């Protein structure tokens, strides 16, 4: 057996439905999101996780707590697993962002936001830190956010930045599974747990096909 990481995105929020950039804004799960978290917890409990760590934002932490209650594990909190910071874009819809910052919208870079490379570095570093605490056959569940998880996974896999857009987004309460082999981390599953559906996230629009 080798160490595994399940990267679980939080459940739905009202801002997801309204297509608003959430970033570091602390938006709670809506009723659908609570139900999604409960469903994901019931499925992931079968994998027998040995450790759970979450972003400090409540939409991720509440999703993690739903799993922790079922499997009897405490949830550690790590601010490094927060979503990508969006600066002035936070709380705005995609249409509002496109109208006010057309050039920046095209490359999906808020003028005062967090660069994708910095997000990738901090999230991947967090996953490595927590995975280092696992037993050789341990399973870590990381509960975070759409853009943060996709970027962190790309960095953990060692993908060059020009290929990051090849990895699609994560739906609410969908997950990806990685395992550590002799040559590093490998992606076993991506965006699992739901039927194909539109991905409403802070991630770059073209990753949402």
Protein backbone atom coordinates (compact mmCIF):
# COMPACT_ATOMS: atom_id res chain seq x y z
CA UNK A 1 0.00 0.00 0.00
CA UNK A 2 1.07 3.59 -0.57
CA UNK A 3 -0.06 6.92 0.81
CA UNK A 4 -3.14 8.41 -0.82
CA UNK A 5 -4.71 11.85 -0.89
CA UNK A 6 -8.37 12.54 -1.63
CA UNK A 7 -8.85 16.17 -2.70
CA UNK A 8 -12.48 17.07 -1.94
CA UNK A 9 -14.06 20.33 -3.04
CA UNK A 10 -16.60 21.95 -0.71
CA UNK A 11 -20.35 21.82 -1.24
CA UNK A 12 -22.42 24.40 -3.06
CA UNK A 13 -22.85 27.97 -1.84
CA UNK A 14 -25.24 30.70 -2.97
CA UNK A 15 -22.31 32.52 -4.56
CA UNK A 16 -21.54 29.40 -6.62
CA UNK A 17 -25.08 29.50 -7.98
CA UNK A 18 -24.83 33.23 -8.68
CA UNK A 19 -21.42 32.77 -10.35
CA UNK A 20 -19.73 35.17 -7.92
CA UNK A 21 -16.00 35.05 -7.28
CA UNK A 22 -15.66 33.82 -3.68
CA UNK A 23 -11.91 33.77 -3.08
CA UNK A 24 -11.12 34.41 0.59
CA UNK A 25 -14.68 35.59 1.34
CA UNK A 26 -16.14 33.30 4.00
CA UNK A 27 -19.39 32.17 2.38
CA UNK A 28 -21.39 29.32 4.02
CA UNK A 29 -22.83 26.26 2.35
CA UNK A 30 -26.41 26.61 1.15
CA UNK A 31 -29.05 23.91 1.73
CA UNK A 32 -27.94 21.99 -1.35
CA UNK A 33 -24.33 22.24 -0.26
CA UNK A 34 -25.09 20.75 3.15
CA UNK A 35 -26.82 17.80 1.46
CA UNK A 36 -23.90 17.38 -0.95
CA UNK A 37 -21.45 17.31 1.96
CA UNK A 38 -23.48 14.61 3.72
CA UNK A 39 -23.62 12.49 0.56
CA UNK A 40 -19.91 12.83 -0.14
CA UNK A 41 -19.13 11.96 3.49
CA UNK A 42 -21.18 8.76 3.29
CA UNK A 43 -19.27 7.69 0.17
CA UNK A 44 -15.78 8.68 1.25
CA UNK A 45 -16.19 7.05 4.67
CA UNK A 46 -15.90 3.70 2.88
CA UNK A 47 -12.29 4.57 2.01
CA UNK A 48 -11.46 4.70 5.73
CA UNK A 49 -9.54 7.97 5.85
CA UNK A 50 -6.89 8.26 8.54
CA UNK A 51 -6.54 12.05 8.50
CA UNK A 52 -8.71 15.02 7.45
CA UNK A 53 -7.45 18.57 6.89
CA UNK A 54 -9.47 21.54 5.69
CA UNK A 55 -9.23 25.12 4.55
CA UNK A 56 -10.17 27.53 7.32
CA UNK A 57 -13.08 28.93 5.30
CA UNK A 58 -16.42 27.65 6.59
CA UNK A 59 -17.71 26.23 3.29
CA UNK A 60 -14.75 23.83 3.24
CA UNK A 61 -14.56 23.25 6.98
CA UNK A 62 -18.26 22.36 7.27
CA UNK A 63 -17.84 19.93 4.37
CA UNK A 64 -14.89 18.34 6.17
CA UNK A 65 -16.75 18.14 9.48
CA UNK A 66 -19.54 16.13 7.83
CA UNK A 67 -16.96 13.44 6.99
CA UNK A 68 -15.20 13.72 10.33
CA UNK A 69 -18.42 13.01 12.21
CA UNK A 70 -19.02 9.77 10.30
CA UNK A 71 -15.49 8.38 10.54
CA UNK A 72 -14.74 9.65 14.04
CA UNK A 73 -11.80 11.88 13.08
CA UNK A 74 -10.99 15.43 14.11
CA UNK A 75 -10.53 17.94 11.32
CA UNK A 76 -7.27 19.85 11.23
CA UNK A 77 -7.43 23.37 9.76
CA UNK A 78 -4.82 24.85 7.45
CA UNK A 79 -5.13 28.40 6.10
CA UNK A 80 -2.76 27.44 3.26
CA UNK A 81 -5.65 25.47 1.71
CA UNK A 82 -7.76 28.60 1.14
CA UNK A 83 -9.15 29.43 -2.28
CA UNK A 84 -7.26 31.73 -4.60
CA UNK A 85 -7.55 35.33 -3.42
CA UNK A 86 -9.53 37.48 -5.85
CA UNK A 87 -8.93 41.01 -4.56
CA UNK A 88 -11.53 43.42 -5.94
CA UNK A 89 -13.18 40.59 -7.88
CA UNK A 90 -14.55 38.90 -4.77
CA UNK A 91 -18.33 39.10 -4.62
CA UNK A 92 -18.65 40.06 -8.29
CA UNK A 93 -20.20 37.93 -11.03
CA UNK A 94 -18.27 36.85 -14.10
CA UNK A 95 -20.28 39.32 -16.19
CA UNK A 96 -19.35 42.20 -13.87
CA UNK A 97 -15.69 41.20 -13.94
CA UNK A 98 -15.65 40.95 -17.73
CA UNK A 99 -17.28 44.37 -18.08
CA UNK A 100 -14.90 46.17 -15.69
CA UNK A 101 -11.64 44.35 -16.40
CA UNK A 102 -11.91 42.91 -19.95
CA UNK A 103 -8.16 42.31 -20.43
CA UNK A 104 -7.65 40.80 -16.99
CA UNK A 105 -10.77 38.67 -17.42
CA UNK A 106 -9.32 37.12 -20.58
CA UNK A 107 -6.30 35.79 -18.65
CA UNK A 108 -8.28 35.39 -15.40
CA UNK A 109 -5.86 37.46 -13.32
CA UNK A 110 -7.37 39.96 -10.88
CA UNK A 111 -5.14 43.08 -10.76
CA UNK A 112 -4.80 42.80 -6.98
CA UNK A 113 -5.48 39.07 -6.74
CA UNK A 114 -3.29 36.06 -6.06
CA UNK A 115 -1.20 34.69 -8.97
CA UNK A 116 -1.95 31.10 -9.94
CA UNK A 117 1.67 30.08 -9.38
CA UNK A 118 1.54 31.22 -5.76
CA UNK A 119 -1.71 29.34 -5.17
CA UNK A 120 -0.28 26.18 -6.70
CA UNK A 121 2.85 26.40 -4.57
CA UNK A 122 1.10 26.97 -1.25
CA UNK A 123 -1.59 24.31 -1.76
CA UNK A 124 0.85 21.65 -2.98
CA UNK A 125 3.21 22.46 -0.10
CA UNK A 126 0.35 22.00 2.36
CA UNK A 127 -0.63 18.65 0.85
CA UNK A 128 2.97 17.44 1.03
CA UNK A 129 3.26 18.58 4.66
CA UNK A 130 0.15 16.73 5.78
CA UNK A 131 0.89 13.65 3.68
CA UNK A 132 4.30 13.40 5.35
CA UNK A 133 2.46 12.68 8.63
CA UNK A 134 0.63 9.67 7.19
CA UNK A 135 1.51 6.07 7.81
CA UNK A 136 2.67 4.23 4.68
CA UNK A 137 -0.87 3.00 3.98
CA UNK A 138 -2.63 6.17 5.20
CA UNK A 139 -5.36 8.14 3.46
CA UNK A 140 -5.48 11.92 3.78
CA UNK A 141 -8.64 13.82 2.84
CA UNK A 142 -7.91 17.45 1.91
CA UNK A 143 -11.05 19.60 1.80
CA UNK A 144 -10.53 22.82 -0.10
CA UNK A 145 -11.74 24.81 -3.11
CA UNK A 146 -12.06 24.40 -6.87
CA UNK A 147 -9.22 26.54 -8.18
CA UNK A 148 -6.97 25.87 -5.19
CA UNK A 149 -7.26 22.10 -5.53
CA UNK A 150 -6.82 21.99 -9.29
CA UNK A 151 -3.73 24.18 -9.13
CA UNK A 152 -2.31 22.30 -6.15
CA UNK A 153 -2.80 18.96 -7.91
CA UNK A 154 -1.02 20.25 -11.03
CA UNK A 155 1.93 21.37 -8.93
CA UNK A 156 2.02 18.14 -6.93
CA UNK A 157 2.11 16.14 -10.17
CA UNK A 158 4.94 18.27 -11.50
CA UNK A 159 3.03 19.47 -14.56
CA UNK A 160 4.53 22.50 -16.35
CA UNK A 161 2.37 25.61 -16.06
CA UNK A 162 1.49 25.61 -19.76
CA UNK A 163 -0.33 22.29 -19.25
CA UNK A 164 -2.32 23.24 -16.15
CA UNK A 165 -5.43 24.05 -18.18
CA UNK A 166 -5.50 20.43 -19.39
CA UNK A 167 -6.84 19.39 -15.99
CA UNK A 168 -10.54 20.25 -15.73
CA UNK A 169 -12.31 21.83 -12.79
CA UNK A 170 -13.91 20.12 -9.80
CA UNK A 171 -17.66 20.14 -9.20
CA UNK A 172 -19.07 20.86 -5.75
CA UNK A 173 -18.35 17.92 -3.44
CA UNK A 174 -16.49 16.06 -6.18
CA UNK A 175 -13.03 14.72 -5.51
CA UNK A 176 -9.74 13.63 -7.01
CA UNK A 177 -7.55 10.78 -5.76
CA UNK A 178 -3.76 10.75 -5.81
CA UNK A 179 -1.33 8.13 -4.63
CA UNK A 180 2.38 8.27 -3.95
CA UNK A 181 4.52 5.92 -5.98
CA UNK A 182 8.25 5.46 -6.26
CA UNK A 183 8.46 8.29 -8.81
CA UNK A 184 6.18 10.72 -7.01
CA UNK A 185 2.46 11.43 -6.95
CA UNK A 186 0.06 10.04 -9.58
CA UNK A 187 -3.54 11.04 -10.34
CA UNK A 188 -5.87 8.03 -10.10
CA UNK A 189 -9.27 9.76 -10.36
CA UNK A 190 -10.39 13.30 -11.13
CA UNK A 191 -13.72 15.07 -10.52
CA UNK A 192 -15.27 11.84 -9.25
CA UNK A 193 -18.47 11.52 -7.26
CA UNK A 194 -21.04 13.22 -9.49
CA UNK A 195 -22.43 12.91 -12.97
CA UNK A 196 -20.93 15.43 -15.43
CA UNK A 197 -22.37 18.86 -14.73
CA UNK A 198 -21.27 22.51 -15.10
CA UNK A 199 -18.48 23.45 -12.69
CA UNK A 200 -19.25 26.69 -10.85
CA UNK A 201 -15.98 27.81 -9.35
CA UNK A 202 -13.47 30.65 -9.02
CA UNK A 203 -11.40 28.77 -11.57
CA UNK A 204 -10.56 30.07 -15.02
CA UNK A 205 -13.64 29.75 -17.31
CA UNK A 206 -12.01 27.55 -19.96
CA UNK A 207 -11.23 24.88 -17.35
CA UNK A 208 -14.96 24.35 -16.91
CA UNK A 209 -15.72 22.43 -20.07
